[in-house]
Amino acid sequence: MERRITPAFAIWVTGLPASGKSTLVAALKTQLVDRGIDVAVLESDVLREILTPHPRYDEREREIFYRQMTYIGTLLIEHGVPVVFDATANRQRYRDEARGKISQLLEVFVDCPLEVCMARDPKGIYRQGREGASQGVPGLQAVYEPPSSPDVVVHGHSEAPERAAQRVIAKLVERGYL
């Protein structure tokens, strides 16, 4: 019996820390599962604990980490598992590398003002950055390069995550990924 696997799609959700990426990803996963599509969510915070248990968050480490994350996602996609990357990926080149390896990739930018992200700060990332306990926080000590031409822009400070997820799924359908 010959088994054929059709490569799946990927969605890279990027934005500043606390912009609403994880909230959007949760809504996306729910809506995709409701359509009978089981997706693998690759969350950078979870993968960092495994791949870089004592992260430095410097440029070299980030480059290696995002390359590893892309590789894991690519393996899943090649085996027919759709992937949602939940990762800041503060440099465009990290996301471009993924786009170069994954033909069916949507880049979703969760646009949210830094002040709103800093006020939310559920993990204390910005507080630690302001206090000097953390270095390299995107938007504070490290640059965040918003996507130059994202496939979907979500307004993390004013758009309902469920509605935003619907728009992302509509783009998947429009592109023929679903």
N, C-alpha and C. Protein backbone atom coordinates (compact mmCIF):
# COMPACT_ATOMS: atom_id res chain seq x y z
N MET A 1 0.84 -1.18 0.00
CA MET A 1 0.00 0.00 0.00
C MET A 1 0.89 1.25 0.00
N GLU A 2 0.66 2.10 -0.96
CA GLU A 2 1.45 3.33 -1.07
C GLU A 2 0.79 4.43 -0.25
N ARG A 3 1.59 5.08 0.55
CA ARG A 3 1.07 6.17 1.38
C ARG A 3 1.58 7.49 0.82
N ARG A 4 0.66 8.38 0.54
CA ARG A 4 1.04 9.69 0.02
C ARG A 4 0.65 10.75 1.03
N ILE A 5 1.59 11.63 1.29
CA ILE A 5 1.35 12.71 2.23
C ILE A 5 1.43 14.03 1.46
N THR A 6 0.41 14.82 1.61
CA THR A 6 0.39 16.13 0.98
C THR A 6 0.96 17.14 1.96
N PRO A 7 1.98 17.90 1.57
CA PRO A 7 2.50 18.92 2.48
C PRO A 7 1.40 19.88 2.93
N ALA A 8 1.48 20.26 4.17
CA ALA A 8 0.47 21.12 4.77
C ALA A 8 0.91 22.58 4.70
N PHE A 9 0.08 23.44 5.27
CA PHE A 9 0.37 24.87 5.31
C PHE A 9 0.96 25.25 6.67
N ALA A 10 1.46 26.48 6.72
CA ALA A 10 1.95 27.05 7.98
C ALA A 10 1.47 28.48 8.09
N ILE A 11 1.30 28.89 9.33
CA ILE A 11 0.96 30.28 9.64
C ILE A 11 2.00 30.76 10.65
N TRP A 12 2.68 31.86 10.34
CA TRP A 12 3.63 32.43 11.30
C TRP A 12 2.97 33.67 11.88
N VAL A 13 2.67 33.64 13.17
CA VAL A 13 2.05 34.77 13.85
C VAL A 13 3.16 35.51 14.58
N THR A 14 3.41 36.74 14.15
CA THR A 14 4.47 37.57 14.71
C THR A 14 3.91 38.86 15.27
N GLY A 15 4.65 39.47 16.15
CA GLY A 15 4.27 40.73 16.77
C GLY A 15 5.08 40.91 18.04
N LEU A 16 5.01 42.06 18.61
CA LEU A 16 5.73 42.32 19.86
C LEU A 16 5.24 41.39 20.97
N PRO A 17 6.07 41.16 21.98
CA PRO A 17 5.58 40.42 23.15
C PRO A 17 4.34 41.12 23.72
N ALA A 18 3.34 40.34 24.10
CA ALA A 18 2.08 40.83 24.69
C ALA A 18 1.19 41.57 23.70
N SER A 19 1.43 41.37 22.40
CA SER A 19 0.60 42.02 21.38
C SER A 19 -0.72 41.30 21.16
N GLY A 20 -0.80 40.04 21.59
CA GLY A 20 -2.01 39.25 21.39
C GLY A 20 -1.79 38.04 20.50
N LYS A 21 -0.53 37.68 20.25
CA LYS A 21 -0.22 36.54 19.39
C LYS A 21 -0.85 35.25 19.92
N SER A 22 -0.59 34.93 21.16
CA SER A 22 -1.08 33.66 21.72
C SER A 22 -2.60 33.61 21.79
N THR A 23 -3.22 34.74 22.04
CA THR A 23 -4.69 34.80 22.06
C THR A 23 -5.24 34.53 20.67
N LEU A 24 -4.62 35.11 19.65
CA LEU A 24 -5.02 34.85 18.27
C LEU A 24 -4.79 33.39 17.92
N VAL A 25 -3.64 32.85 18.30
CA VAL A 25 -3.32 31.46 17.98
C VAL A 25 -4.34 30.52 18.61
N ALA A 26 -4.75 30.78 19.83
CA ALA A 26 -5.76 29.95 20.49
C ALA A 26 -7.08 29.98 19.70
N ALA A 27 -7.49 31.16 19.26
CA ALA A 27 -8.72 31.29 18.47
C ALA A 27 -8.58 30.58 17.12
N LEU A 28 -7.41 30.72 16.50
CA LEU A 28 -7.15 30.04 15.22
C LEU A 28 -7.23 28.53 15.38
N LYS A 29 -6.58 28.02 16.41
CA LYS A 29 -6.58 26.57 16.63
C LYS A 29 -8.00 26.06 16.83
N THR A 30 -8.79 26.75 17.64
CA THR A 30 -10.18 26.35 17.88
C THR A 30 -10.97 26.31 16.58
N GLN A 31 -10.85 27.36 15.79
CA GLN A 31 -11.61 27.43 14.54
C GLN A 31 -11.14 26.40 13.51
N LEU A 32 -9.85 26.11 13.48
CA LEU A 32 -9.35 25.09 12.56
C LEU A 32 -9.80 23.70 13.00
N VAL A 33 -9.74 23.43 14.29
CA VAL A 33 -10.20 22.14 14.81
C VAL A 33 -11.69 21.97 14.53
N ASP A 34 -12.46 23.04 14.67
CA ASP A 34 -13.90 22.99 14.34
C ASP A 34 -14.14 22.62 12.87
N ARG A 35 -13.15 22.90 12.02
CA ARG A 35 -13.25 22.56 10.59
C ARG A 35 -12.68 21.16 10.32
N GLY A 36 -12.25 20.48 11.39
CA GLY A 36 -11.67 19.14 11.24
C GLY A 36 -10.19 19.14 10.90
N ILE A 37 -9.52 20.26 11.16
CA ILE A 37 -8.09 20.38 10.86
C ILE A 37 -7.33 20.48 12.17
N ASP A 38 -6.55 19.45 12.44
CA ASP A 38 -5.74 19.44 13.65
C ASP A 38 -4.40 20.07 13.32
N VAL A 39 -4.02 21.07 14.06
CA VAL A 39 -2.77 21.79 13.80
C VAL A 39 -1.81 21.62 14.97
N ALA A 40 -0.53 21.71 14.64
CA ALA A 40 0.51 21.73 15.67
C ALA A 40 0.88 23.18 15.92
N VAL A 41 0.81 23.60 17.17
CA VAL A 41 1.22 24.95 17.53
C VAL A 41 2.64 24.88 18.07
N LEU A 42 3.54 25.60 17.41
CA LEU A 42 4.92 25.70 17.88
C LEU A 42 5.07 27.06 18.56
N GLU A 43 5.01 27.03 19.87
CA GLU A 43 5.08 28.25 20.67
C GLU A 43 6.52 28.48 21.09
N SER A 44 7.04 29.64 20.78
CA SER A 44 8.46 29.90 21.04
C SER A 44 8.81 29.77 22.52
N ASP A 45 7.96 30.23 23.41
CA ASP A 45 8.27 30.14 24.85
C ASP A 45 8.45 28.69 25.29
N VAL A 46 7.61 27.81 24.78
CA VAL A 46 7.69 26.39 25.14
C VAL A 46 8.94 25.76 24.52
N LEU A 47 9.17 26.02 23.23
CA LEU A 47 10.34 25.45 22.58
C LEU A 47 11.65 25.96 23.17
N ARG A 48 11.69 27.21 23.59
CA ARG A 48 12.91 27.76 24.20
C ARG A 48 13.32 26.97 25.43
N GLU A 49 12.34 26.56 26.22
CA GLU A 49 12.65 25.78 27.43
C GLU A 49 13.35 24.47 27.09
N ILE A 50 13.05 23.93 25.91
CA ILE A 50 13.64 22.66 25.49
C ILE A 50 14.95 22.89 24.74
N LEU A 51 14.93 23.81 23.79
CA LEU A 51 16.08 24.00 22.91
C LEU A 51 17.17 24.90 23.51
N THR A 52 16.76 25.88 24.29
CA THR A 52 17.73 26.79 24.92
C THR A 52 17.29 27.03 26.37
N PRO A 53 17.52 26.05 27.24
CA PRO A 53 17.01 26.17 28.62
C PRO A 53 17.56 27.37 29.41
N HIS A 54 18.69 27.90 28.99
CA HIS A 54 19.25 29.09 29.64
C HIS A 54 19.50 30.15 28.58
N PRO A 55 18.41 30.71 28.04
CA PRO A 55 18.55 31.62 26.89
C PRO A 55 19.27 32.92 27.24
N ARG A 56 20.03 33.39 26.25
CA ARG A 56 20.72 34.67 26.38
C ARG A 56 19.97 35.75 25.61
N TYR A 57 19.14 35.34 24.65
CA TYR A 57 18.38 36.26 23.81
C TYR A 57 19.26 37.21 23.01
N ASP A 58 20.49 36.78 22.70
CA ASP A 58 21.32 37.62 21.84
C ASP A 58 21.04 37.24 20.39
N GLU A 59 21.58 38.03 19.46
CA GLU A 59 21.29 37.83 18.04
C GLU A 59 21.68 36.44 17.56
N ARG A 60 22.84 35.96 17.94
CA ARG A 60 23.32 34.65 17.47
C ARG A 60 22.40 33.53 17.97
N GLU A 61 22.04 33.58 19.24
CA GLU A 61 21.17 32.55 19.78
C GLU A 61 19.79 32.60 19.12
N ARG A 62 19.27 33.80 18.92
CA ARG A 62 17.96 33.92 18.26
C ARG A 62 18.00 33.34 16.85
N GLU A 63 19.07 33.61 16.13
CA GLU A 63 19.21 33.08 14.78
C GLU A 63 19.17 31.55 14.80
N ILE A 64 19.92 30.95 15.71
CA ILE A 64 19.94 29.49 15.83
C ILE A 64 18.57 28.97 16.25
N PHE A 65 17.96 29.62 17.23
CA PHE A 65 16.66 29.17 17.73
C PHE A 65 15.59 29.20 16.63
N TYR A 66 15.49 30.30 15.89
CA TYR A 66 14.46 30.39 14.85
C TYR A 66 14.74 29.43 13.69
N ARG A 67 16.00 29.15 13.44
CA ARG A 67 16.33 28.15 12.42
C ARG A 67 15.85 26.77 12.89
N GLN A 68 16.07 26.46 14.17
CA GLN A 68 15.60 25.18 14.72
C GLN A 68 14.07 25.11 14.68
N MET A 69 13.42 26.19 15.05
CA MET A 69 11.96 26.23 15.05
C MET A 69 11.41 26.01 13.64
N THR A 70 12.02 26.66 12.67
CA THR A 70 11.61 26.49 11.28
C THR A 70 11.82 25.05 10.83
N TYR A 71 12.92 24.46 11.22
CA TYR A 71 13.21 23.07 10.85
C TYR A 71 12.15 22.12 11.41
N ILE A 72 11.80 22.28 12.66
CA ILE A 72 10.77 21.44 13.28
C ILE A 72 9.44 21.62 12.53
N GLY A 73 9.08 22.86 12.27
CA GLY A 73 7.84 23.13 11.53
C GLY A 73 7.86 22.52 10.15
N THR A 74 8.98 22.61 9.47
CA THR A 74 9.11 22.06 8.12
C THR A 74 8.92 20.54 8.14
N LEU A 75 9.50 19.88 9.13
CA LEU A 75 9.33 18.43 9.24
C LEU A 75 7.86 18.06 9.41
N LEU A 76 7.18 18.78 10.27
CA LEU A 76 5.75 18.50 10.48
C LEU A 76 4.96 18.72 9.20
N ILE A 77 5.22 19.83 8.54
CA ILE A 77 4.50 20.18 7.30
C ILE A 77 4.73 19.12 6.22
N GLU A 78 5.97 18.65 6.09
CA GLU A 78 6.28 17.62 5.09
C GLU A 78 5.55 16.32 5.37
N HIS A 79 5.12 16.13 6.62
CA HIS A 79 4.37 14.92 6.99
C HIS A 79 2.87 15.19 7.09
N GLY A 80 2.45 16.30 6.51
CA GLY A 80 1.02 16.59 6.41
C GLY A 80 0.39 17.25 7.61
N VAL A 81 1.20 17.73 8.55
CA VAL A 81 0.67 18.37 9.75
C VAL A 81 0.74 19.89 9.59
N PRO A 82 -0.41 20.57 9.56
CA PRO A 82 -0.39 22.03 9.51
C PRO A 82 0.25 22.59 10.78
N VAL A 83 0.95 23.71 10.64
CA VAL A 83 1.70 24.29 11.75
C VAL A 83 1.33 25.76 11.93
N VAL A 84 1.19 26.15 13.19
CA VAL A 84 1.05 27.56 13.53
C VAL A 84 2.26 27.92 14.40
N PHE A 85 3.09 28.83 13.91
CA PHE A 85 4.23 29.34 14.67
C PHE A 85 3.74 30.52 15.50
N ASP A 86 3.89 30.42 16.80
CA ASP A 86 3.53 31.51 17.72
C ASP A 86 4.85 32.06 18.24
N ALA A 87 5.41 33.03 17.51
CA ALA A 87 6.76 33.48 17.82
C ALA A 87 7.00 34.92 17.36
N THR A 88 7.58 35.72 18.23
CA THR A 88 7.90 37.10 17.90
C THR A 88 8.79 37.17 16.67
N ALA A 89 9.85 36.38 16.63
CA ALA A 89 10.80 36.41 15.51
C ALA A 89 11.07 37.87 15.13
N ASN A 90 11.79 38.55 15.99
CA ASN A 90 11.92 40.00 15.90
C ASN A 90 12.62 40.52 14.64
N ARG A 91 13.30 39.67 13.91
CA ARG A 91 13.96 40.08 12.67
C ARG A 91 13.24 39.49 11.47
N GLN A 92 13.07 40.29 10.45
CA GLN A 92 12.41 39.84 9.23
C GLN A 92 13.13 38.64 8.63
N ARG A 93 14.44 38.61 8.74
CA ARG A 93 15.19 37.51 8.11
C ARG A 93 14.82 36.15 8.69
N TYR A 94 14.42 36.09 9.97
CA TYR A 94 14.00 34.81 10.56
C TYR A 94 12.74 34.31 9.85
N ARG A 95 11.80 35.21 9.66
CA ARG A 95 10.54 34.84 9.01
C ARG A 95 10.75 34.58 7.52
N ASP A 96 11.65 35.34 6.89
CA ASP A 96 11.96 35.12 5.48
C ASP A 96 12.59 33.75 5.25
N GLU A 97 13.42 33.32 6.18
CA GLU A 97 14.03 31.99 6.06
C GLU A 97 12.93 30.92 6.08
N ALA A 98 11.95 31.08 6.95
CA ALA A 98 10.83 30.13 6.99
C ALA A 98 10.07 30.17 5.67
N ARG A 99 9.82 31.36 5.17
CA ARG A 99 9.08 31.49 3.90
C ARG A 99 9.84 30.82 2.76
N GLY A 100 11.15 30.88 2.80
CA GLY A 100 11.96 30.24 1.77
C GLY A 100 11.91 28.72 1.82
N LYS A 101 11.59 28.17 2.97
CA LYS A 101 11.54 26.72 3.15
C LYS A 101 10.12 26.15 3.09
N ILE A 102 9.13 27.00 3.32
CA ILE A 102 7.73 26.55 3.39
C ILE A 102 6.95 27.29 2.32
N SER A 103 6.52 26.57 1.30
CA SER A 103 5.84 27.24 0.18
C SER A 103 4.46 27.76 0.55
N GLN A 104 3.75 27.04 1.41
CA GLN A 104 2.39 27.46 1.79
C GLN A 104 2.43 28.08 3.19
N LEU A 105 2.97 29.29 3.26
CA LEU A 105 3.13 29.99 4.54
C LEU A 105 2.40 31.32 4.50
N LEU A 106 1.61 31.57 5.53
CA LEU A 106 1.01 32.89 5.74
C LEU A 106 1.76 33.57 6.86
N GLU A 107 2.10 34.84 6.65
CA GLU A 107 2.71 35.64 7.70
C GLU A 107 1.63 36.58 8.23
N VAL A 108 1.34 36.43 9.52
CA VAL A 108 0.30 37.22 10.17
C VAL A 108 0.98 38.14 11.18
N PHE A 109 0.75 39.43 11.02
CA PHE A 109 1.34 40.44 11.90
C PHE A 109 0.28 40.93 12.87
N VAL A 110 0.54 40.70 14.16
CA VAL A 110 -0.34 41.24 15.20
C VAL A 110 0.23 42.60 15.58
N ASP A 111 -0.39 43.62 15.04
CA ASP A 111 0.05 45.00 15.24
C ASP A 111 -0.60 45.54 16.51
N CYS A 112 0.24 45.98 17.43
CA CYS A 112 -0.26 46.51 18.70
C CYS A 112 0.76 47.53 19.20
N PRO A 113 0.30 48.71 19.60
CA PRO A 113 1.25 49.72 20.09
C PRO A 113 2.07 49.21 21.27
N LEU A 114 3.35 49.59 21.28
CA LEU A 114 4.24 49.18 22.37
C LEU A 114 3.67 49.54 23.73
N GLU A 115 3.05 50.71 23.84
CA GLU A 115 2.51 51.14 25.14
C GLU A 115 1.44 50.17 25.64
N VAL A 116 0.62 49.66 24.73
CA VAL A 116 -0.42 48.70 25.10
C VAL A 116 0.23 47.39 25.53
N CYS A 117 1.22 46.94 24.77
CA CYS A 117 1.93 45.70 25.12
C CYS A 117 2.58 45.82 26.50
N MET A 118 3.20 46.96 26.75
CA MET A 118 3.86 47.18 28.04
C MET A 118 2.86 47.22 29.18
N ALA A 119 1.69 47.76 28.93
CA ALA A 119 0.65 47.82 29.97
C ALA A 119 0.09 46.42 30.25
N ARG A 120 -0.02 45.59 29.23
CA ARG A 120 -0.52 44.21 29.41
C ARG A 120 0.51 43.39 30.18
N ASP A 121 1.67 43.23 29.59
CA ASP A 121 2.84 42.56 30.15
C ASP A 121 2.52 41.36 31.05
N PRO A 122 1.77 40.34 30.56
CA PRO A 122 1.36 39.24 31.43
C PRO A 122 2.51 38.40 31.98
N LYS A 123 3.64 38.36 31.28
CA LYS A 123 4.77 37.55 31.73
C LYS A 123 5.85 38.39 32.42
N GLY A 124 5.62 39.70 32.51
CA GLY A 124 6.59 40.58 33.16
C GLY A 124 7.83 40.84 32.33
N ILE A 125 7.76 40.60 31.04
CA ILE A 125 8.92 40.76 30.16
C ILE A 125 9.39 42.22 30.11
N TYR A 126 8.44 43.13 29.91
CA TYR A 126 8.81 44.55 29.81
C TYR A 126 9.28 45.09 31.15
N ARG A 127 8.63 44.67 32.22
CA ARG A 127 9.06 45.11 33.56
C ARG A 127 10.50 44.68 33.80
N GLN A 128 10.80 43.42 33.49
CA GLN A 128 12.17 42.93 33.67
C GLN A 128 13.15 43.70 32.80
N GLY A 129 12.73 44.03 31.58
CA GLY A 129 13.58 44.80 30.69
C GLY A 129 13.85 46.20 31.21
N ARG A 130 12.81 46.85 31.73
CA ARG A 130 12.98 48.20 32.28
C ARG A 130 13.85 48.19 33.53
N GLU A 131 13.76 47.12 34.31
CA GLU A 131 14.53 47.01 35.55
C GLU A 131 15.95 46.51 35.31
N GLY A 132 16.26 46.12 34.08
CA GLY A 132 17.59 45.64 33.76
C GLY A 132 17.81 44.16 34.05
N ALA A 133 16.76 43.46 34.48
CA ALA A 133 16.87 42.04 34.79
C ALA A 133 16.84 41.19 33.53
N SER A 134 16.39 41.77 32.43
CA SER A 134 16.30 41.06 31.15
C SER A 134 16.86 41.96 30.07
N GLN A 135 17.68 41.38 29.22
CA GLN A 135 18.26 42.12 28.11
C GLN A 135 17.65 41.64 26.80
N GLY A 136 17.58 42.51 25.84
CA GLY A 136 17.15 42.09 24.52
C GLY A 136 15.66 41.94 24.33
N VAL A 137 14.86 42.68 25.08
CA VAL A 137 13.40 42.60 24.90
C VAL A 137 13.03 43.35 23.63
N PRO A 138 12.38 42.65 22.66
CA PRO A 138 11.97 43.34 21.43
C PRO A 138 11.06 44.52 21.74
N GLY A 139 11.39 45.65 21.17
CA GLY A 139 10.64 46.87 21.41
C GLY A 139 11.31 47.75 22.45
N LEU A 140 12.16 47.15 23.31
CA LEU A 140 12.90 47.93 24.31
C LEU A 140 14.39 47.95 23.94
N GLN A 141 15.11 46.90 24.31
CA GLN A 141 16.55 46.86 24.01
C GLN A 141 16.86 46.25 22.64
N ALA A 142 15.96 45.43 22.14
CA ALA A 142 16.18 44.78 20.84
C ALA A 142 15.19 45.34 19.83
N VAL A 143 15.63 45.40 18.60
CA VAL A 143 14.78 45.89 17.53
C VAL A 143 13.69 44.86 17.23
N TYR A 144 12.53 45.35 16.85
CA TYR A 144 11.49 44.48 16.28
C TYR A 144 11.20 45.02 14.89
N GLU A 145 11.40 44.18 13.89
CA GLU A 145 11.15 44.57 12.50
C GLU A 145 9.79 44.02 12.09
N PRO A 146 8.79 44.90 12.00
CA PRO A 146 7.48 44.42 11.55
C PRO A 146 7.58 43.89 10.13
N PRO A 147 6.73 42.96 9.76
CA PRO A 147 6.77 42.43 8.40
C PRO A 147 6.59 43.54 7.37
N SER A 148 7.36 43.45 6.30
CA SER A 148 7.26 44.47 5.25
C SER A 148 5.99 44.30 4.43
N SER A 149 5.54 43.07 4.27
CA SER A 149 4.29 42.84 3.53
C SER A 149 3.60 41.58 4.07
N PRO A 150 3.02 41.70 5.26
CA PRO A 150 2.34 40.53 5.84
C PRO A 150 1.12 40.14 5.02
N ASP A 151 0.77 38.88 5.12
CA ASP A 151 -0.41 38.39 4.41
C ASP A 151 -1.70 38.85 5.09
N VAL A 152 -1.65 38.97 6.41
CA VAL A 152 -2.79 39.45 7.19
C VAL A 152 -2.25 40.33 8.32
N VAL A 153 -2.91 41.46 8.54
CA VAL A 153 -2.59 42.31 9.69
C VAL A 153 -3.76 42.24 10.66
N VAL A 154 -3.44 41.93 11.90
CA VAL A 154 -4.43 41.86 12.97
C VAL A 154 -4.14 43.00 13.93
N HIS A 155 -5.17 43.69 14.37
CA HIS A 155 -5.00 44.80 15.31
C HIS A 155 -5.21 44.26 16.72
N GLY A 156 -4.09 43.91 17.36
CA GLY A 156 -4.11 43.23 18.65
C GLY A 156 -4.70 44.03 19.79
N HIS A 157 -4.81 45.33 19.62
CA HIS A 157 -5.35 46.18 20.68
C HIS A 157 -6.84 46.48 20.50
N SER A 158 -7.39 46.16 19.31
CA SER A 158 -8.78 46.55 19.09
C SER A 158 -9.64 45.51 18.37
N GLU A 159 -9.04 44.45 17.88
CA GLU A 159 -9.80 43.48 17.09
C GLU A 159 -10.06 42.22 17.91
N ALA A 160 -11.26 41.73 17.88
CA ALA A 160 -11.60 40.49 18.58
C ALA A 160 -10.81 39.34 17.97
N PRO A 161 -10.18 38.52 18.82
CA PRO A 161 -9.37 37.42 18.29
C PRO A 161 -10.16 36.45 17.41
N GLU A 162 -11.41 36.21 17.73
CA GLU A 162 -12.22 35.29 16.94
C GLU A 162 -12.43 35.84 15.53
N ARG A 163 -12.69 37.12 15.44
CA ARG A 163 -12.87 37.77 14.12
C ARG A 163 -11.56 37.75 13.35
N ALA A 164 -10.47 38.04 14.03
CA ALA A 164 -9.16 38.03 13.37
C ALA A 164 -8.84 36.62 12.86
N ALA A 165 -9.14 35.61 13.66
CA ALA A 165 -8.90 34.22 13.24
C ALA A 165 -9.72 33.90 12.00
N GLN A 166 -10.96 34.39 11.93
CA GLN A 166 -11.79 34.17 10.74
C GLN A 166 -11.14 34.78 9.51
N ARG A 167 -10.53 35.95 9.67
CA ARG A 167 -9.87 36.61 8.53
C ARG A 167 -8.64 35.82 8.08
N VAL A 168 -7.90 35.26 9.04
CA VAL A 168 -6.74 34.44 8.69
C VAL A 168 -7.19 33.19 7.94
N ILE A 169 -8.24 32.55 8.42
CA ILE A 169 -8.76 31.35 7.76
C ILE A 169 -9.27 31.69 6.36
N ALA A 170 -9.91 32.83 6.22
CA ALA A 170 -10.37 33.26 4.89
C ALA A 170 -9.18 33.41 3.93
N LYS A 171 -8.06 33.89 4.44
CA LYS A 171 -6.86 34.03 3.60
C LYS A 171 -6.29 32.66 3.23
N LEU A 172 -6.35 31.70 4.16
CA LEU A 172 -5.93 30.33 3.85
C LEU A 172 -6.78 29.77 2.71
N VAL A 173 -8.08 30.00 2.79
CA VAL A 173 -9.00 29.52 1.75
C VAL A 173 -8.69 30.22 0.42
N GLU A 174 -8.54 31.54 0.48
CA GLU A 174 -8.25 32.32 -0.73
C GLU A 174 -6.99 31.83 -1.43
N ARG A 175 -5.97 31.48 -0.66
CA ARG A 175 -4.70 31.00 -1.22
C ARG A 175 -4.76 29.54 -1.67
N GLY A 176 -5.83 28.84 -1.30
CA GLY A 176 -5.94 27.43 -1.67
C GLY A 176 -5.22 26.49 -0.73
N TYR A 177 -4.87 26.98 0.45
CA TYR A 177 -4.20 26.13 1.45
C TYR A 177 -5.20 25.26 2.20
N LEU A 178 -6.46 25.69 2.22
CA LEU A 178 -7.54 24.92 2.85
C LEU A 178 -8.55 24.54 1.79
